[in-house]
Amino acid sequence: MTDDIAPKRPRFLTIDQVAEELAVGAPTVRQLLKTGELRALQIGGRGMWRVAAKDLEDYVERAYRVTAEKITAGELLADEEVGS
């Protein structure tokens, strides 16, 4: 038996789905869209935002890279310093 039983992820995600994936609020996702940090497109007459699953994965990979670079450069603050 294979492990291919997991449900297939949709190609496009809503803002709320992206927020859930990133464990942030929808306003944070909207800000990422507004700044262009996260690619998205508007579709339909009401201009609903959709994020391709691939674009979300690319965003996460970039965020890991940037974080690693900041750690190497000693630019990140400790959790206590950022209020976490």
N, C-alpha and C. Protein backbone atom coordinates (compact mmCIF):
# COMPACT_ATOMS: atom_id res chain seq x y z
N MET A 1 0.84 -1.19 0.00
CA MET A 1 0.00 0.00 0.00
C MET A 1 0.87 1.25 0.00
N THR A 2 0.49 2.28 -0.74
CA THR A 2 1.29 3.49 -0.84
C THR A 2 0.76 4.59 0.08
N ASP A 3 1.55 5.62 0.24
CA ASP A 3 1.15 6.77 1.06
C ASP A 3 0.49 7.86 0.22
N ASP A 4 0.04 7.54 -0.97
CA ASP A 4 -0.58 8.52 -1.86
C ASP A 4 -2.04 8.79 -1.52
N ILE A 5 -2.44 8.49 -0.31
CA ILE A 5 -3.83 8.65 0.11
C ILE A 5 -4.12 10.08 0.57
N ALA A 6 -3.08 10.83 0.89
CA ALA A 6 -3.26 12.20 1.38
C ALA A 6 -4.01 13.03 0.35
N PRO A 7 -4.93 13.90 0.81
CA PRO A 7 -5.68 14.72 -0.15
C PRO A 7 -4.75 15.65 -0.92
N LYS A 8 -5.05 15.85 -2.19
CA LYS A 8 -4.26 16.72 -3.04
C LYS A 8 -4.55 18.18 -2.68
N ARG A 9 -3.49 18.95 -2.57
CA ARG A 9 -3.62 20.37 -2.26
C ARG A 9 -4.13 21.09 -3.51
N PRO A 10 -5.05 22.04 -3.34
CA PRO A 10 -5.54 22.77 -4.51
C PRO A 10 -4.41 23.60 -5.13
N ARG A 11 -4.53 23.87 -6.42
CA ARG A 11 -3.51 24.66 -7.12
C ARG A 11 -3.50 26.10 -6.63
N PHE A 12 -4.68 26.65 -6.33
CA PHE A 12 -4.78 28.04 -5.87
C PHE A 12 -5.41 28.08 -4.50
N LEU A 13 -4.91 28.98 -3.66
CA LEU A 13 -5.38 29.13 -2.28
C LEU A 13 -5.98 30.51 -2.08
N THR A 14 -6.97 30.59 -1.20
CA THR A 14 -7.55 31.87 -0.83
C THR A 14 -6.63 32.56 0.19
N ILE A 15 -6.90 33.81 0.44
CA ILE A 15 -6.13 34.55 1.45
C ILE A 15 -6.24 33.85 2.81
N ASP A 16 -7.44 33.42 3.16
CA ASP A 16 -7.63 32.74 4.45
C ASP A 16 -6.85 31.43 4.52
N GLN A 17 -6.80 30.69 3.41
CA GLN A 17 -6.03 29.44 3.40
C GLN A 17 -4.54 29.70 3.55
N VAL A 18 -4.06 30.74 2.88
CA VAL A 18 -2.64 31.11 2.99
C VAL A 18 -2.34 31.53 4.43
N ALA A 19 -3.23 32.33 5.01
CA ALA A 19 -3.04 32.76 6.40
C ALA A 19 -2.96 31.56 7.33
N GLU A 20 -3.81 30.58 7.12
CA GLU A 20 -3.79 29.37 7.95
C GLU A 20 -2.48 28.61 7.77
N GLU A 21 -2.03 28.49 6.53
CA GLU A 21 -0.77 27.78 6.25
C GLU A 21 0.41 28.45 6.95
N LEU A 22 0.42 29.78 6.95
CA LEU A 22 1.53 30.53 7.53
C LEU A 22 1.34 30.82 9.02
N ALA A 23 0.17 30.48 9.55
CA ALA A 23 -0.16 30.74 10.96
C ALA A 23 -0.08 32.23 11.27
N VAL A 24 -0.67 33.03 10.37
CA VAL A 24 -0.76 34.48 10.55
C VAL A 24 -2.19 34.90 10.23
N GLY A 25 -2.49 36.16 10.43
CA GLY A 25 -3.81 36.66 10.10
C GLY A 25 -3.92 37.06 8.63
N ALA A 26 -5.15 37.14 8.15
CA ALA A 26 -5.40 37.56 6.77
C ALA A 26 -4.81 38.94 6.47
N PRO A 27 -4.85 39.91 7.43
CA PRO A 27 -4.23 41.21 7.13
C PRO A 27 -2.73 41.10 6.82
N THR A 28 -2.04 40.18 7.47
CA THR A 28 -0.62 39.97 7.19
C THR A 28 -0.43 39.46 5.77
N VAL A 29 -1.28 38.55 5.34
CA VAL A 29 -1.19 38.02 3.98
C VAL A 29 -1.48 39.14 2.98
N ARG A 30 -2.49 39.95 3.26
CA ARG A 30 -2.81 41.06 2.36
C ARG A 30 -1.63 42.02 2.24
N GLN A 31 -0.92 42.25 3.32
CA GLN A 31 0.26 43.12 3.29
C GLN A 31 1.36 42.49 2.44
N LEU A 32 1.55 41.19 2.54
CA LEU A 32 2.54 40.50 1.71
C LEU A 32 2.19 40.63 0.22
N LEU A 33 0.89 40.57 -0.08
CA LEU A 33 0.45 40.74 -1.47
C LEU A 33 0.69 42.17 -1.93
N LYS A 34 0.35 43.13 -1.06
CA LYS A 34 0.49 44.55 -1.40
C LYS A 34 1.94 44.93 -1.69
N THR A 35 2.86 44.38 -0.91
CA THR A 35 4.28 44.70 -1.08
C THR A 35 4.93 43.88 -2.19
N GLY A 36 4.23 42.87 -2.67
CA GLY A 36 4.79 42.02 -3.72
C GLY A 36 5.69 40.91 -3.20
N GLU A 37 5.79 40.78 -1.88
CA GLU A 37 6.61 39.70 -1.32
C GLU A 37 6.02 38.34 -1.65
N LEU A 38 4.71 38.28 -1.78
CA LEU A 38 4.01 37.04 -2.12
C LEU A 38 3.22 37.29 -3.40
N ARG A 39 3.49 36.49 -4.41
CA ARG A 39 2.79 36.62 -5.69
C ARG A 39 1.37 36.12 -5.58
N ALA A 40 0.48 36.79 -6.27
CA ALA A 40 -0.92 36.39 -6.30
C ALA A 40 -1.56 36.95 -7.56
N LEU A 41 -2.78 36.54 -7.80
CA LEU A 41 -3.53 37.09 -8.92
C LEU A 41 -4.97 37.32 -8.49
N GLN A 42 -5.61 38.22 -9.20
CA GLN A 42 -7.01 38.50 -8.95
C GLN A 42 -7.81 37.90 -10.10
N ILE A 43 -8.88 37.19 -9.73
CA ILE A 43 -9.70 36.56 -10.75
C ILE A 43 -11.17 36.83 -10.47
N GLY A 44 -11.95 36.74 -11.51
CA GLY A 44 -13.39 36.92 -11.38
C GLY A 44 -13.79 38.38 -11.35
N GLY A 45 -15.07 38.61 -11.50
CA GLY A 45 -15.63 39.95 -11.53
C GLY A 45 -15.44 40.71 -10.23
N ARG A 46 -15.34 39.99 -9.12
CA ARG A 46 -15.15 40.64 -7.82
C ARG A 46 -13.68 40.78 -7.46
N GLY A 47 -12.79 40.33 -8.34
CA GLY A 47 -11.35 40.48 -8.09
C GLY A 47 -10.86 39.71 -6.89
N MET A 48 -11.31 38.47 -6.75
CA MET A 48 -10.89 37.65 -5.61
C MET A 48 -9.42 37.28 -5.76
N TRP A 49 -8.67 37.41 -4.67
CA TRP A 49 -7.25 37.07 -4.68
C TRP A 49 -7.05 35.58 -4.54
N ARG A 50 -6.10 35.06 -5.32
CA ARG A 50 -5.71 33.66 -5.22
C ARG A 50 -4.19 33.58 -5.29
N VAL A 51 -3.63 32.69 -4.49
CA VAL A 51 -2.19 32.48 -4.45
C VAL A 51 -1.94 31.05 -4.91
N ALA A 52 -1.09 30.90 -5.90
CA ALA A 52 -0.73 29.55 -6.36
C ALA A 52 0.04 28.85 -5.25
N ALA A 53 -0.24 27.57 -5.05
CA ALA A 53 0.45 26.79 -4.02
C ALA A 53 1.97 26.87 -4.23
N LYS A 54 2.39 26.86 -5.48
CA LYS A 54 3.83 26.95 -5.80
C LYS A 54 4.40 28.29 -5.35
N ASP A 55 3.65 29.37 -5.54
CA ASP A 55 4.12 30.69 -5.10
C ASP A 55 4.24 30.76 -3.58
N LEU A 56 3.33 30.12 -2.88
CA LEU A 56 3.42 30.07 -1.42
C LEU A 56 4.68 29.30 -0.99
N GLU A 57 4.93 28.17 -1.63
CA GLU A 57 6.13 27.39 -1.31
C GLU A 57 7.40 28.18 -1.62
N ASP A 58 7.40 28.91 -2.74
CA ASP A 58 8.56 29.74 -3.09
C ASP A 58 8.78 30.83 -2.04
N TYR A 59 7.69 31.44 -1.57
CA TYR A 59 7.79 32.47 -0.54
C TYR A 59 8.41 31.90 0.74
N VAL A 60 7.96 30.72 1.14
CA VAL A 60 8.48 30.09 2.36
C VAL A 60 9.97 29.78 2.19
N GLU A 61 10.36 29.26 1.05
CA GLU A 61 11.78 28.97 0.80
C GLU A 61 12.63 30.23 0.86
N ARG A 62 12.13 31.33 0.26
CA ARG A 62 12.86 32.61 0.32
C ARG A 62 12.98 33.08 1.76
N ALA A 63 11.90 32.94 2.53
CA ALA A 63 11.92 33.38 3.92
C ALA A 63 12.95 32.59 4.73
N TYR A 64 13.05 31.28 4.47
CA TYR A 64 14.09 30.47 5.13
C TYR A 64 15.48 30.95 4.76
N ARG A 65 15.70 31.26 3.47
CA ARG A 65 17.00 31.73 3.00
C ARG A 65 17.37 33.06 3.66
N VAL A 66 16.43 34.00 3.67
CA VAL A 66 16.67 35.31 4.27
C VAL A 66 16.96 35.17 5.76
N THR A 67 16.21 34.33 6.43
CA THR A 67 16.43 34.11 7.86
C THR A 67 17.81 33.53 8.12
N ALA A 68 18.21 32.55 7.32
CA ALA A 68 19.54 31.95 7.48
C ALA A 68 20.63 32.99 7.27
N GLU A 69 20.46 33.85 6.26
CA GLU A 69 21.44 34.91 6.00
C GLU A 69 21.53 35.87 7.18
N LYS A 70 20.38 36.21 7.76
CA LYS A 70 20.37 37.13 8.91
C LYS A 70 21.02 36.48 10.13
N ILE A 71 20.78 35.19 10.32
CA ILE A 71 21.42 34.49 11.44
C ILE A 71 22.93 34.52 11.27
N THR A 72 23.39 34.21 10.06
CA THR A 72 24.82 34.20 9.77
C THR A 72 25.44 35.58 10.01
N ALA A 73 24.71 36.62 9.65
CA ALA A 73 25.22 37.99 9.81
C ALA A 73 25.02 38.52 11.22
N GLY A 74 24.37 37.75 12.10
CA GLY A 74 24.13 38.21 13.47
C GLY A 74 23.10 39.31 13.56
N GLU A 75 22.18 39.36 12.60
CA GLU A 75 21.19 40.44 12.55
C GLU A 75 19.85 40.13 13.21
N LEU A 76 19.65 38.91 13.66
CA LEU A 76 18.36 38.57 14.27
C LEU A 76 18.39 38.81 15.76
N LEU A 77 17.24 39.26 16.26
CA LEU A 77 17.10 39.49 17.69
C LEU A 77 16.65 38.21 18.38
N ALA A 78 17.00 38.07 19.65
CA ALA A 78 16.50 36.95 20.42
C ALA A 78 15.00 37.10 20.64
N ASP A 79 14.30 35.99 20.88
CA ASP A 79 12.84 36.03 21.09
C ASP A 79 12.46 37.03 22.17
N GLU A 80 13.25 37.10 23.23
CA GLU A 80 12.91 38.01 24.34
C GLU A 80 12.96 39.46 23.88
N GLU A 81 13.82 39.77 22.92
CA GLU A 81 13.97 41.14 22.46
C GLU A 81 12.87 41.58 21.51
N VAL A 82 12.17 40.63 20.89
CA VAL A 82 11.09 40.98 19.98
C VAL A 82 9.71 40.77 20.62
N GLY A 83 9.67 40.34 21.86
CA GLY A 83 8.41 40.23 22.57
C GLY A 83 7.64 38.96 22.32
N SER A 84 8.28 37.90 21.86
CA SER A 84 7.59 36.62 21.64
C SER A 84 7.46 35.82 22.89
